[in-house]
Amino acid sequence: MFSSITGPLIALLAFSQYAAASCEPPVAFLPPRLDSTSLESAFTNISSKLNYFFSTPAFAKSSVSIQISSSDETLWSAYHTAKKNGNGTTKIDGDSVYRNASNTKIFTALAVLKQHAEGRIDLDGPVAQYVPGLNVSGGGNVDWSAISVRDVMSHVSGLQDNCTCLKIRCERLFADMI
């Protein structure tokens, strides 16, 4: 009986190794070499294109800061000051401060997902479990126990933009942290 199973088993194992090896996608392109000459050429090209776009009317009201960094240093940066900005800014540079608005949502979501992957956060658990300040009484009629972390991350929690009750509770929470 052993010998009747051995042949097909060896064939199956051999085929599975071949199948696994042949399922690897081919490399679409080789990673670029990061020597100073190729980077300088790429950054010069990018700068040229950006200068063209910044000179168009579409950028008359938009200020921009762009930076490309390695783990050690800033490799390249570019700045554009809007001609028609509404806040009186006269020059955009590396020290300029911008309002983040929704730009931080992706980083917050990634941090939460990392915590979930490590078993520290249950996406379907109530958000108040992880932000105890939300359970503080006063301000608004939000049932925080019915709102999950997943709901908040998916923007389906039912909370209104700039929810006053959330603002009050977050201010209390952050005041306690400082």
Protein backbone atom coordinates (compact mmCIF):
# COMPACT_ATOMS: atom_id res chain seq x y z
CA MET A 1 0.00 0.00 0.00
CA PHE A 2 2.85 2.38 0.85
CA SER A 3 4.40 2.04 -2.60
CA SER A 4 1.10 2.76 -4.38
CA ILE A 5 0.82 6.14 -2.62
CA THR A 6 4.49 7.12 -2.86
CA GLY A 7 4.59 7.65 -6.63
CA PRO A 8 1.57 9.99 -6.88
CA LEU A 9 2.66 11.81 -3.71
CA ILE A 10 6.13 12.52 -5.12
CA ALA A 11 4.57 13.68 -8.39
CA LEU A 12 2.18 15.97 -6.49
CA LEU A 13 5.00 17.44 -4.41
CA ALA A 14 7.12 18.00 -7.51
CA PHE A 15 4.20 19.65 -9.32
CA SER A 16 3.38 21.87 -6.33
CA GLN A 17 6.97 23.15 -6.23
CA TYR A 18 6.81 23.88 -9.96
CA ALA A 19 3.40 25.54 -9.64
CA ALA A 20 4.55 27.73 -6.75
CA ALA A 21 7.69 28.75 -8.62
CA SER A 22 5.82 29.54 -11.83
CA CYS A 23 3.18 31.68 -10.08
CA GLU A 24 5.64 34.40 -9.22
CA PRO A 25 4.89 37.48 -11.32
CA PRO A 26 7.75 38.72 -13.46
CA VAL A 27 9.37 41.97 -12.37
CA ALA A 28 7.76 44.75 -14.39
CA PHE A 29 10.90 46.85 -14.24
CA LEU A 30 14.10 46.95 -12.31
CA PRO A 31 14.29 49.39 -9.42
CA PRO A 32 16.12 52.56 -10.43
CA ARG A 33 19.69 53.07 -9.37
CA LEU A 34 19.87 55.80 -6.77
CA ASP A 35 23.15 57.43 -7.67
CA SER A 36 23.54 61.19 -7.47
CA THR A 37 23.64 61.69 -11.25
CA SER A 38 20.34 59.91 -11.94
CA LEU A 39 18.65 61.60 -8.96
CA GLU A 40 19.91 65.02 -10.02
CA SER A 41 18.62 64.45 -13.55
CA ALA A 42 15.21 63.27 -12.26
CA PHE A 43 14.88 66.20 -9.85
CA THR A 44 15.83 68.70 -12.57
CA ASN A 45 13.14 67.22 -14.81
CA ILE A 46 10.57 67.32 -11.99
CA SER A 47 11.49 70.92 -11.16
CA SER A 48 11.08 71.94 -14.79
CA LYS A 49 7.61 70.37 -15.01
CA LEU A 50 6.54 71.86 -11.68
CA ASN A 51 7.72 75.35 -12.67
CA TYR A 52 5.58 75.08 -15.79
CA PHE A 53 2.50 74.02 -13.81
CA PHE A 54 3.07 76.63 -11.10
CA SER A 55 3.06 79.35 -13.75
CA THR A 56 -0.45 78.41 -14.92
CA PRO A 57 -3.60 80.14 -13.60
CA ALA A 58 -4.67 76.89 -11.91
CA PHE A 59 -1.97 77.42 -9.27
CA ALA A 60 -2.68 81.11 -8.68
CA LYS A 61 -4.52 80.26 -5.44
CA SER A 62 -2.55 77.16 -4.36
CA SER A 63 0.65 77.14 -2.35
CA VAL A 64 2.67 73.93 -2.39
CA SER A 65 5.57 72.39 -0.50
CA ILE A 66 7.14 69.16 -1.78
CA GLN A 67 10.00 67.26 -0.19
CA ILE A 68 11.64 63.95 -1.02
CA SER A 69 13.78 62.48 1.74
CA SER A 70 15.86 59.43 2.39
CA SER A 71 16.20 58.04 5.88
CA ASP A 72 19.28 60.26 6.27
CA GLU A 73 18.62 63.54 4.52
CA THR A 74 16.43 65.73 2.34
CA LEU A 75 17.19 64.81 -1.26
CA TRP A 76 15.09 67.47 -2.99
CA SER A 77 12.48 70.07 -2.20
CA ALA A 78 10.35 72.57 -4.08
CA TYR A 79 8.09 75.38 -2.90
CA HIS A 80 5.48 77.52 -4.61
CA THR A 81 3.76 80.57 -3.12
CA ALA A 82 0.30 81.31 -4.50
CA LYS A 83 -0.02 84.70 -6.15
CA LYS A 84 -3.58 85.10 -4.85
CA ASN A 85 -3.46 83.59 -1.40
CA GLY A 86 -6.09 84.75 1.05
CA ASN A 87 -4.07 84.62 4.24
CA GLY A 88 -1.32 87.14 3.49
CA THR A 89 1.52 84.61 3.18
CA THR A 90 4.35 86.16 1.19
CA LYS A 91 6.72 83.22 0.96
CA ILE A 92 6.37 79.43 1.23
CA ASP A 93 9.50 77.59 2.36
CA GLY A 94 10.60 74.63 4.44
CA ASP A 95 9.31 76.26 7.63
CA SER A 96 5.79 76.89 6.29
CA VAL A 97 2.91 75.45 8.26
CA TYR A 98 -0.17 74.00 6.58
CA ARG A 99 -3.57 72.98 7.91
CA ASN A 100 -3.63 69.19 7.74
CA ALA A 101 -7.40 68.80 7.33
CA SER A 102 -8.06 65.26 6.11
CA ASN A 103 -4.47 64.47 5.14
CA THR A 104 -3.83 62.65 8.41
CA LYS A 105 -6.73 60.20 8.05
CA ILE A 106 -4.71 57.65 6.11
CA PHE A 107 -1.91 57.64 8.70
CA THR A 108 -4.39 57.28 11.55
CA ALA A 109 -6.12 54.42 9.72
CA LEU A 110 -2.80 52.66 9.10
CA ALA A 111 -1.82 53.03 12.76
CA VAL A 112 -5.18 51.59 13.88
CA LEU A 113 -4.90 48.70 11.40
CA LYS A 114 -1.38 47.95 12.67
CA GLN A 115 -2.69 47.86 16.23
CA HIS A 116 -5.50 45.57 15.05
CA ALA A 117 -3.01 43.23 13.33
CA GLU A 118 -1.06 43.03 16.59
CA GLY A 119 -4.25 42.14 18.49
CA ARG A 120 -4.48 45.40 20.45
CA ILE A 121 -7.61 46.85 18.83
CA ASP A 122 -10.87 45.14 17.91
CA LEU A 123 -12.24 46.96 14.86
CA ASP A 124 -15.76 45.93 15.82
CA GLY A 125 -15.36 46.98 19.46
CA PRO A 126 -16.83 50.26 20.72
CA VAL A 127 -14.61 53.26 20.09
CA ALA A 128 -15.18 54.40 23.69
CA GLN A 129 -13.26 51.32 24.84
CA TYR A 130 -10.11 52.86 23.35
CA VAL A 131 -10.89 56.54 24.01
CA PRO A 132 -12.14 56.59 27.60
CA GLY A 133 -12.81 60.34 27.47
CA LEU A 134 -15.78 59.64 25.23
CA ASN A 135 -17.60 58.04 28.16
CA VAL A 136 -17.45 61.27 30.17
CA SER A 137 -20.96 62.61 30.70
CA GLY A 138 -22.04 65.96 29.34
CA GLY A 139 -22.31 67.44 25.89
CA GLY A 140 -24.44 65.79 23.24
CA ASN A 141 -26.56 62.69 23.05
CA VAL A 142 -24.18 60.25 21.36
CA ASP A 143 -24.37 56.58 22.30
CA TRP A 144 -20.63 55.87 22.07
CA SER A 145 -21.14 52.21 22.96
CA ALA A 146 -22.96 51.74 19.64
CA ILE A 147 -20.16 53.21 17.52
CA SER A 148 -17.36 50.82 16.59
CA VAL A 149 -13.80 51.62 15.62
CA ARG A 150 -14.65 50.31 12.13
CA ASP A 151 -17.62 52.73 11.94
CA VAL A 152 -15.40 55.71 12.73
CA MET A 153 -12.69 54.61 10.28
CA SER A 154 -15.28 54.05 7.53
CA HIS A 155 -17.01 57.39 8.20
CA VAL A 156 -20.35 55.63 8.81
CA SER A 157 -20.62 56.32 12.55
CA GLY A 158 -23.40 58.87 12.10
CA LEU A 159 -21.36 61.63 13.74
CA GLN A 160 -21.78 65.03 12.16
CA ASP A 161 -18.81 67.05 10.98
CA ASN A 162 -17.39 69.14 13.78
CA CYS A 163 -19.64 67.41 16.31
CA THR A 164 -19.67 69.75 19.33
CA CYS A 165 -20.00 66.87 21.78
CA LEU A 166 -16.95 65.18 20.28
CA LYS A 167 -14.98 68.43 20.37
CA ILE A 168 -15.81 68.97 24.04
CA ARG A 169 -14.89 65.41 24.97
CA CYS A 170 -11.68 65.43 22.94
CA GLU A 171 -10.63 68.74 24.49
CA ARG A 172 -11.16 67.20 27.94
CA LEU A 173 -9.28 64.07 26.95
CA PHE A 174 -6.33 65.95 25.50
CA ALA A 175 -6.25 68.38 28.41
CA ASP A 176 -5.83 65.37 30.71
CA MET A 177 -2.99 64.02 28.55
CA ILE A 178 -0.97 67.25 28.60
